[in-house]
Protein backbone atom coordinates (compact mmCIF):
# COMPACT_ATOMS: atom_id res chain seq x y z
CA MET A 1 64.67 123.23 63.84
CA THR A 2 64.42 120.88 60.61
CA THR A 3 68.10 119.68 61.01
CA PRO A 4 68.70 116.56 62.19
CA ALA A 5 70.09 116.20 65.81
CA LEU A 6 73.57 115.10 65.72
CA LEU A 7 74.17 111.58 67.39
CA ALA A 8 76.16 111.79 71.00
CA HIS A 9 79.76 111.11 69.49
CA GLN A 10 79.24 113.64 66.56
CA ALA A 11 80.34 116.92 65.56
CA PRO A 12 79.27 119.59 62.95
CA LEU A 13 82.03 119.23 60.15
CA ALA A 14 84.79 121.62 60.16
CA ILE A 15 87.01 120.20 57.46
CA ASP A 16 90.54 119.96 57.40
CA ALA A 17 91.59 119.70 53.63
CA ALA A 18 95.15 118.73 54.58
CA ALA A 19 94.39 116.04 57.02
CA THR A 20 91.38 114.59 54.91
CA GLY A 21 93.83 114.17 52.20
CA TRP A 22 96.38 112.49 54.18
CA ILE A 23 93.92 110.12 55.96
CA LEU A 24 92.31 109.06 52.38
CA VAL A 25 96.01 108.17 51.36
CA SER A 26 96.25 106.68 55.04
CA THR A 27 92.94 104.21 54.57
CA ALA A 28 94.38 103.18 51.45
CA LEU A 29 97.68 102.30 53.00
CA VAL A 30 96.44 100.48 55.79
CA LEU A 31 93.65 98.58 53.83
CA MET A 32 96.94 97.31 51.71
CA MET A 33 98.41 95.96 54.95
CA THR A 34 95.71 92.81 54.71
CA LEU A 35 95.45 92.72 50.93
CA PRO A 36 97.96 91.61 50.02
CA GLY A 37 100.45 92.57 52.36
CA LEU A 38 99.88 90.14 55.61
CA ALA A 39 98.39 87.73 52.92
CA LEU A 40 101.64 87.28 51.22
CA PHE A 41 103.86 87.48 54.53
CA TYR A 42 101.63 84.52 55.87
CA GLY A 43 101.45 82.91 52.76
CA GLY A 44 104.72 82.76 51.97
CA MET A 45 105.76 81.18 55.38
CA VAL A 46 103.55 78.44 55.60
CA ARG A 47 103.97 74.90 53.49
CA LYS A 48 103.29 75.16 49.68
CA LYS A 49 99.94 72.42 50.65
CA ASN A 50 98.48 75.59 52.51
CA ILE A 51 99.28 78.81 50.91
CA ILE A 52 95.79 79.38 49.13
CA SER A 53 94.21 78.80 52.61
CA THR A 54 96.48 81.17 54.30
CA ILE A 55 95.78 83.83 52.03
CA ALA A 56 91.80 83.22 52.22
CA HIS A 57 92.31 83.80 55.87
CA SER A 58 92.99 87.44 54.76
CA ALA A 59 90.21 87.61 52.40
CA ALA A 60 87.56 86.48 55.03
CA SER A 61 88.68 89.00 57.50
CA PHE A 62 88.40 91.56 55.00
CA MET A 63 84.82 90.65 54.06
CA VAL A 64 83.58 89.39 57.57
CA VAL A 65 84.91 92.79 59.22
CA THR A 66 83.77 94.96 56.70
CA VAL A 67 80.25 94.07 56.34
CA LEU A 68 80.28 93.82 60.61
CA TRP A 69 81.37 96.98 60.93
CA PHE A 70 78.90 98.73 58.51
CA VAL A 71 76.19 96.98 60.53
CA VAL A 72 76.83 97.37 64.15
CA GLY A 73 81.07 97.46 64.68
CA TYR A 74 81.43 101.12 64.20
CA SER A 75 78.75 102.20 66.51
CA LEU A 76 79.70 99.30 69.18
CA SER A 77 83.50 100.98 68.79
CA PHE A 78 82.95 104.50 68.56
CA GLY A 79 79.47 105.18 69.58
CA VAL A 80 78.19 106.33 72.88
CA SER A 81 76.60 104.31 74.54
CA GLY A 82 74.44 107.04 76.65
CA GLU A 83 75.22 105.79 79.98
CA PRO A 84 78.15 108.01 81.22
CA THR A 85 79.46 105.01 83.84
CA ASN A 86 79.87 102.41 80.65
CA GLY A 87 83.14 102.73 79.81
CA PHE A 88 83.43 99.18 77.94
CA ILE A 89 81.19 99.48 74.73
CA GLY A 90 79.78 101.70 72.90
CA GLY A 91 75.80 101.92 71.71
CA LEU A 92 73.73 101.22 68.97
CA GLN A 93 72.90 104.41 67.84
CA ALA A 94 74.62 104.27 64.52
CA LEU A 95 73.77 100.66 63.12
CA PHE A 96 73.90 100.25 59.76
CA LEU A 97 75.75 103.92 59.68
CA ASN A 98 72.04 105.58 60.80
CA GLY A 99 72.51 109.66 61.15
CA VAL A 100 76.24 109.52 59.18
CA THR A 101 75.79 111.96 56.45
CA ILE A 102 78.73 114.14 54.40
CA GLU A 103 78.29 117.12 56.73
CA THR A 104 79.09 114.90 59.92
CA ALA A 105 82.31 114.32 61.61
CA HIS A 106 82.86 112.00 64.72
CA SER A 107 84.15 114.41 67.64
CA LEU A 108 87.38 112.70 67.99
CA ALA A 109 88.42 114.01 64.62
CA PRO A 110 86.14 117.22 63.79
CA GLY A 111 88.45 117.87 60.70
CA LEU A 112 87.52 114.75 58.96
CA PRO A 113 84.38 113.88 57.28
CA GLU A 114 82.68 110.81 59.54
CA TYR A 115 82.51 108.72 56.27
CA LEU A 116 86.19 109.12 55.99
CA TRP A 117 86.79 108.43 59.54
CA ILE A 118 84.86 105.25 59.60
CA ALA A 119 86.97 103.84 56.56
CA PHE A 120 89.78 104.41 58.37
CA GLN A 121 89.16 102.96 61.62
CA LEU A 122 87.55 100.09 59.63
CA THR A 123 90.93 98.91 58.38
CA PHE A 124 92.46 98.76 61.85
CA ALA A 125 89.57 96.40 62.06
CA ILE A 126 90.11 93.90 59.28
CA ILE A 127 93.79 93.51 59.91
CA THR A 128 93.21 92.41 64.13
CA PRO A 129 91.88 88.90 63.33
CA ALA A 130 93.69 88.44 60.29
CA ILE A 131 97.02 88.88 62.47
CA ILE A 132 95.46 86.14 64.86
CA ALA A 133 95.37 83.93 61.58
CA GLY A 134 98.96 83.33 61.84
CA ALA A 135 98.58 81.14 64.90
CA PHE A 136 95.99 78.77 63.72
CA ALA A 137 97.29 78.75 59.67
CA GLU A 138 97.40 74.87 58.80
CA ARG A 139 94.86 73.71 60.35
CA MET A 140 91.53 75.40 61.49
CA LYS A 141 88.70 74.88 59.12
CA PHE A 142 87.68 77.58 57.12
CA SER A 143 83.93 77.77 58.11
CA ALA A 144 85.34 77.95 61.61
CA SER A 145 87.54 80.95 60.64
CA VAL A 146 84.95 82.77 59.16
CA LEU A 147 82.43 82.40 62.07
CA PHE A 148 85.57 82.96 64.55
CA PHE A 149 86.19 86.52 62.74
CA ALA A 150 82.62 87.47 63.32
CA LEU A 151 82.34 86.74 66.67
CA TRP A 152 85.54 87.87 67.74
CA HIS A 153 85.46 91.23 66.08
CA LEU A 154 82.27 91.71 67.97
CA ILE A 155 82.83 90.09 71.65
CA VAL A 156 86.78 91.09 71.42
CA TYR A 157 88.03 93.79 69.20
CA ALA A 158 84.89 96.14 69.53
CA PRO A 159 84.60 96.45 73.17
CA VAL A 160 88.46 96.80 73.31
CA CYS A 161 88.36 99.67 70.49
CA HIS A 162 86.07 101.00 72.69
CA GLN A 163 87.60 101.15 75.76
CA VAL A 164 91.21 102.51 74.67
CA TRP A 165 90.06 104.99 71.79
CA GLY A 166 86.34 105.37 71.68
CA GLY A 167 85.82 107.16 74.73
CA GLY A 168 85.91 104.37 77.38
CA TRP A 169 87.89 103.59 80.40
CA LEU A 170 91.31 102.58 79.86
CA GLY A 171 91.62 106.28 77.49
CA GLY A 172 90.19 107.96 79.75
CA TRP A 173 92.06 106.83 82.37
CA GLY A 174 95.43 107.76 80.48
CA VAL A 175 96.55 104.53 78.77
CA LEU A 176 98.26 105.63 75.68
CA ASP A 177 98.25 103.78 72.31
CA PHE A 178 98.85 105.95 69.69
CA ALA A 179 98.08 103.28 66.64
CA GLY A 180 97.26 100.21 68.25
CA GLY A 181 99.53 98.81 70.33
CA ALA A 182 97.47 97.22 72.63
CA VAL A 183 94.20 97.42 70.27
CA VAL A 184 95.18 95.63 67.58
CA HIS A 185 99.02 93.66 68.32
CA VAL A 186 98.40 92.76 72.07
CA ASN A 187 94.85 92.11 71.44
CA ALA A 188 95.43 89.58 68.43
CA GLY A 189 98.64 88.64 69.81
CA VAL A 190 97.00 87.16 73.07
CA ALA A 191 94.24 85.69 71.00
CA GLY A 192 96.46 84.05 68.55
CA LEU A 193 98.01 82.50 71.82
CA VAL A 194 94.94 81.08 73.17
CA CYS A 195 93.69 79.47 69.60
CA ALA A 196 97.23 77.64 69.43
CA LEU A 197 96.79 76.27 72.75
CA VAL A 198 93.00 74.98 72.31
CA LEU A 199 93.53 74.03 68.59
CA GLY A 200 96.93 71.96 69.55
CA PRO A 201 99.70 71.18 67.40
CA ARG A 202 99.93 70.70 63.82
CA HIS A 203 100.11 67.19 62.70
CA GLY A 204 103.97 66.33 62.73
CA PHE A 205 105.03 69.38 64.87
CA GLY A 206 108.09 69.05 66.12
CA ARG A 207 109.20 66.31 63.40
CA ASP A 208 108.22 66.98 59.90
CA ASN A 209 109.73 69.75 58.23
CA MET A 210 107.71 72.82 58.16
CA ALA A 211 109.74 75.29 56.51
CA PRO A 212 108.38 78.31 54.56
CA ALA A 213 107.26 77.60 51.08
CA ASN A 214 108.29 80.61 49.48
CA LEU A 215 110.25 83.23 51.52
CA ALA A 216 110.27 85.54 48.05
CA TYR A 217 106.05 85.73 48.48
CA ALA A 218 106.91 86.51 52.53
CA ALA A 219 109.42 89.60 51.94
CA ILE A 220 107.29 91.37 49.20
CA GLY A 221 104.35 90.72 51.98
CA THR A 222 106.85 92.47 54.36
CA GLY A 223 107.40 95.24 52.25
CA LEU A 224 103.62 95.88 51.55
CA LEU A 225 103.43 96.07 55.08
CA PHE A 226 106.28 98.43 55.93
CA VAL A 227 104.90 100.76 53.46
CA GLY A 228 101.27 100.60 54.75
CA TRP A 229 102.58 100.94 57.99
CA LEU A 230 103.17 104.78 57.39
CA GLY A 231 99.67 105.17 57.15
CA PHE A 232 99.19 103.19 59.98
CA ASN A 233 101.13 105.09 62.34
CA ALA A 234 101.36 108.28 60.85
CA GLY A 235 97.95 108.62 59.61
CA SER A 236 96.87 107.88 63.51
CA ALA A 237 97.90 111.64 63.93
CA TRP A 238 94.75 112.02 62.49
CA ALA A 239 96.31 115.30 60.77
CA ALA A 240 99.01 116.14 58.38
CA ASP A 241 101.23 118.15 60.83
CA GLY A 242 104.32 117.48 62.76
CA ILE A 243 103.23 114.48 65.11
CA ALA A 244 102.27 112.65 61.74
CA ALA A 245 105.85 113.64 60.45
CA VAL A 246 107.67 112.02 63.62
CA ALA A 247 105.46 109.16 63.86
CA ALA A 248 106.52 108.53 59.98
CA LEU A 249 110.16 108.96 60.81
CA ASN A 250 109.82 106.59 64.10
CA THR A 251 107.88 104.18 61.85
CA ILE A 252 111.02 103.86 59.54
CA LEU A 253 113.83 103.80 62.21
CA ALA A 254 112.46 101.37 64.78
CA PRO A 255 112.03 98.49 62.43
CA ALA A 256 115.58 98.78 61.14
CA ALA A 257 116.83 98.71 64.78
CA ALA A 258 114.77 95.87 65.38
CA ALA A 259 115.82 93.90 62.48
CA PHE A 260 119.39 94.48 63.49
CA GLY A 261 118.80 93.18 67.14
CA TRP A 262 117.24 90.04 65.74
CA MET A 263 119.69 89.44 63.32
CA VAL A 264 122.23 89.59 66.07
CA VAL A 265 120.84 87.51 68.58
CA GLU A 266 119.66 85.22 65.81
CA TRP A 267 123.18 84.93 64.65
CA ILE A 268 124.50 84.31 68.04
CA ASP A 269 122.19 81.43 69.02
CA GLN A 270 121.43 79.80 65.60
CA LYS A 271 125.42 80.56 64.00
CA ARG A 272 123.97 82.07 60.82
CA PRO A 273 121.45 85.22 59.94
CA THR A 274 118.17 84.26 58.22
CA LEU A 275 116.15 86.11 55.66
CA LEU A 276 112.87 85.10 57.95
CA GLY A 277 114.63 86.38 60.90
CA LEU A 278 115.15 89.85 59.08
CA LEU A 279 111.95 90.04 58.09
CA SER A 280 110.46 88.80 61.19
CA GLY A 281 112.76 91.31 63.18
CA LEU A 282 111.53 94.33 60.99
CA VAL A 283 107.78 93.46 61.40
CA GLY A 284 108.48 92.90 65.28
CA GLY A 285 109.81 96.65 65.25
CA LEU A 286 106.84 98.10 63.37
CA VAL A 287 104.71 96.46 65.89
CA ALA A 288 106.92 97.77 69.00
CA VAL A 289 106.91 101.45 67.80
CA THR A 290 102.95 101.25 66.99
CA PRO A 291 101.61 102.03 70.68
CA ALA A 292 104.67 104.89 70.92
CA ALA A 293 105.09 106.50 67.38
CA GLY A 294 103.57 109.52 67.96
CA PHE A 295 104.54 110.06 71.78
CA VAL A 296 108.15 109.56 71.38
CA ASP A 297 111.40 111.17 69.75
CA PRO A 298 113.35 109.49 67.62
CA LYS A 299 115.91 108.31 70.03
CA GLY A 300 113.13 106.85 71.98
CA ALA A 301 111.79 105.01 68.87
CA PHE A 302 115.12 103.66 68.17
CA LEU A 303 115.81 102.08 71.71
CA ILE A 304 112.09 100.52 71.46
CA GLY A 305 113.36 98.86 68.02
CA LEU A 306 116.64 97.58 69.90
CA VAL A 307 114.97 96.41 72.47
CA GLY A 308 111.83 94.86 70.66
CA GLY A 309 113.64 92.93 67.84
CA PRO A 310 115.64 90.64 70.61
CA ALA A 311 112.32 90.49 72.80
CA CYS A 312 110.23 89.41 69.64
CA TYR A 313 113.02 86.81 68.76
CA ALA A 314 112.76 85.87 72.65
CA GLY A 315 108.79 85.16 72.29
CA SER A 316 109.07 83.17 68.56
CA VAL A 317 111.83 81.28 69.35
CA TRP A 318 113.24 80.37 73.58
CA LEU A 319 109.45 80.58 74.48
CA LYS A 320 107.68 78.65 71.78
CA ARG A 321 110.55 76.10 72.28
CA ALA A 322 110.24 75.85 76.46
CA LEU A 323 106.75 75.44 76.23
CA LYS A 324 106.15 73.89 72.96
CA TYR A 325 103.04 75.25 71.74
CA ASP A 326 102.70 75.77 67.81
CA ASP A 327 101.98 79.43 66.87
CA SER A 328 102.50 78.75 63.43
CA LEU A 329 103.40 81.98 62.07
CA ASP A 330 104.52 83.63 65.35
CA ALA A 331 101.02 85.94 65.89
CA PHE A 332 102.13 86.17 70.08
CA GLY A 333 105.83 85.90 69.91
CA ILE A 334 105.79 88.83 67.36
CA HIS A 335 103.02 91.12 67.81
CA GLY A 336 101.73 90.08 71.38
CA VAL A 337 105.48 90.10 72.70
CA GLY A 338 106.34 93.19 70.37
CA GLY A 339 103.00 95.23 71.32
CA ILE A 340 103.82 94.55 75.15
CA VAL A 341 107.60 95.88 74.66
CA GLY A 342 106.31 99.13 72.96
CA ALA A 343 103.38 99.60 75.12
CA VAL A 344 105.59 99.44 78.64
CA LEU A 345 108.10 101.72 77.27
CA THR A 346 105.89 104.22 75.54
CA GLY A 347 105.29 104.73 79.18
CA LEU A 348 108.80 105.17 80.00
CA LEU A 349 109.82 107.04 76.76
CA ALA A 350 107.05 109.16 75.52
CA SER A 351 108.25 112.89 75.19
CA ALA A 352 106.06 116.08 76.33
CA SER A 353 108.27 117.82 73.51
CA ILE A 354 106.30 115.55 71.04
CA ASN A 355 103.20 115.33 72.22
CA ALA A 356 101.33 117.33 74.71
CA LEU A 357 99.18 114.03 75.56
CA SER A 358 102.75 112.59 76.74
CA GLU A 359 102.73 114.48 79.56
CA GLY A 360 100.14 111.77 81.25
CA ALA A 361 102.54 108.79 80.24
CA ASP A 362 102.84 106.26 83.21
CA VAL A 363 104.46 102.82 83.30
CA VAL A 364 101.98 101.58 85.55
CA LYS A 365 99.23 102.88 83.73
CA GLN A 366 100.48 101.09 80.57
CA VAL A 367 101.04 97.67 82.56
CA LEU A 368 97.44 97.56 84.32
CA GLY A 369 96.17 98.68 81.00
CA LEU A 370 97.68 95.64 79.26
CA PHE A 371 96.38 93.77 82.08
CA ALA A 372 92.98 94.47 81.12
CA VAL A 373 93.31 94.00 77.22
CA ILE A 374 95.30 90.69 77.68
CA ALA A 375 92.25 89.50 80.04
CA TRP A 376 89.62 90.26 78.02
CA SER A 377 91.25 89.45 74.59
CA ALA A 378 92.15 85.46 76.46
CA VAL A 379 88.53 85.42 78.20
CA GLY A 380 86.63 86.59 74.65
CA THR A 381 88.98 84.49 72.43
CA TRP A 382 88.18 81.29 74.51
CA ILE A 383 84.61 81.91 74.80
CA VAL A 384 84.54 82.21 70.71
CA LEU A 385 86.62 79.12 70.27
CA MET A 386 84.17 77.15 72.34
CA VAL A 387 81.27 78.61 69.86
CA CYS A 388 82.86 77.37 66.88
CA ARG A 389 84.07 73.81 68.71
CA PHE A 390 80.24 72.91 69.12
CA THR A 391 79.01 74.47 66.11
CA THR A 392 81.05 74.57 62.84
CA GLY A 393 84.18 72.26 64.70
CA LEU A 394 87.40 73.80 64.99
CA ARG A 395 90.19 71.63 63.21
CA VAL A 396 90.22 69.84 59.68
CA ASP A 397 90.38 66.00 60.09
CA ARG A 398 93.87 64.49 60.04
CA GLU A 399 93.52 63.28 56.50
CA GLY A 400 92.75 67.05 55.18
CA GLU A 401 95.45 68.37 57.29
CA ILE A 402 97.94 65.94 55.63
CA GLU A 403 96.70 66.53 52.19
CA GLY A 404 96.46 70.39 52.86
CA LEU A 405 94.07 72.70 53.48
CA ASP A 406 94.21 74.26 50.13
CA TYR A 407 92.75 71.19 48.50
CA SER A 408 90.85 69.90 51.74
CA GLN A 409 88.94 73.12 52.31
CA HIS A 410 88.77 75.06 48.81
CA GLY A 411 89.67 72.55 46.39
CA GLU A 412 92.12 74.49 44.72
CA THR A 413 96.27 73.79 44.56
CA ILE A 414 99.28 75.71 43.84
CA HIS A 415 101.05 73.65 40.94
């Protein structure tokens, strides 16, 4: 009678030592994806005068989301609302991690200490808005980005996370998303597209040379993202088992196929292959396999990569060229398009011999689930941008943009 009652989302901890060890490692790997992985990947692709400001976006995403996750984000994402009909957002029982102890587990992962589950899921919440920053790089005020990250986490990320992973209606309906194709990549990619359209193009877009300042930074960042992605995908098995093993192999195989597919299309279209293209194709393959990593066999992962690479090239080059929008670092072209391709192909290629949950795979459900996530992300992102526009303002002034955001926003430069 003196034992505190478990919250609605909790279970008594029955620790799985092997799983706990693997998720501890995976948490570190996924955290590395944002800092320094994505920070260097994005930082190397902007002009020299904007490297510091671009890296600062990743640092700001870590700062803002971690604080909000502790205060309310975890509760909204993985708590239970108390109303059986509410499949859209969690409740407030776990504010400030109230009720979480070293003896509790989340009901979704009873073999893991709840504190570890909180840390692991936090790393996904951190990187998602940081991905969006690639779309508004080189022109958004830093103050606006901080407010944007905070509001977007609460209004867009937490509800979508709950709907797909936290016991909400999309997951209950049978939409499959192993490690974040919809929750992370489509969600962030669509938000990035909305940001690019609302902010408008950078000064000199289509006229000035906007080539990457340091592809070595971008290559190092890609490598860190790649290694971290093993924790991202294989860690999403929440166990050290056969599903984690096939997810790890799929996470290596798909980006190789995607980089090859991107290279072939780029070679035909541009008459030469580029390092930036290889890196972009590799990341596109990682994105595309993410929703499918623990549901498909290696043949399926190879096909997803082979389709995903050219699809991301089309989204990053041909679509952007045709519609003339300025998605600075192809947040939509790679994460949005790659996530959509991977989510749809998950419905087609998921194998029950790999994961029993694949028996419920359905392309129609995947497509309808994508429409729901796209709509929520697009509308929520627009609302957040409007709040930023009428409070902090969205864009730096023309002089500050020409001078570079490193100095105009932070008073720092790279010599």
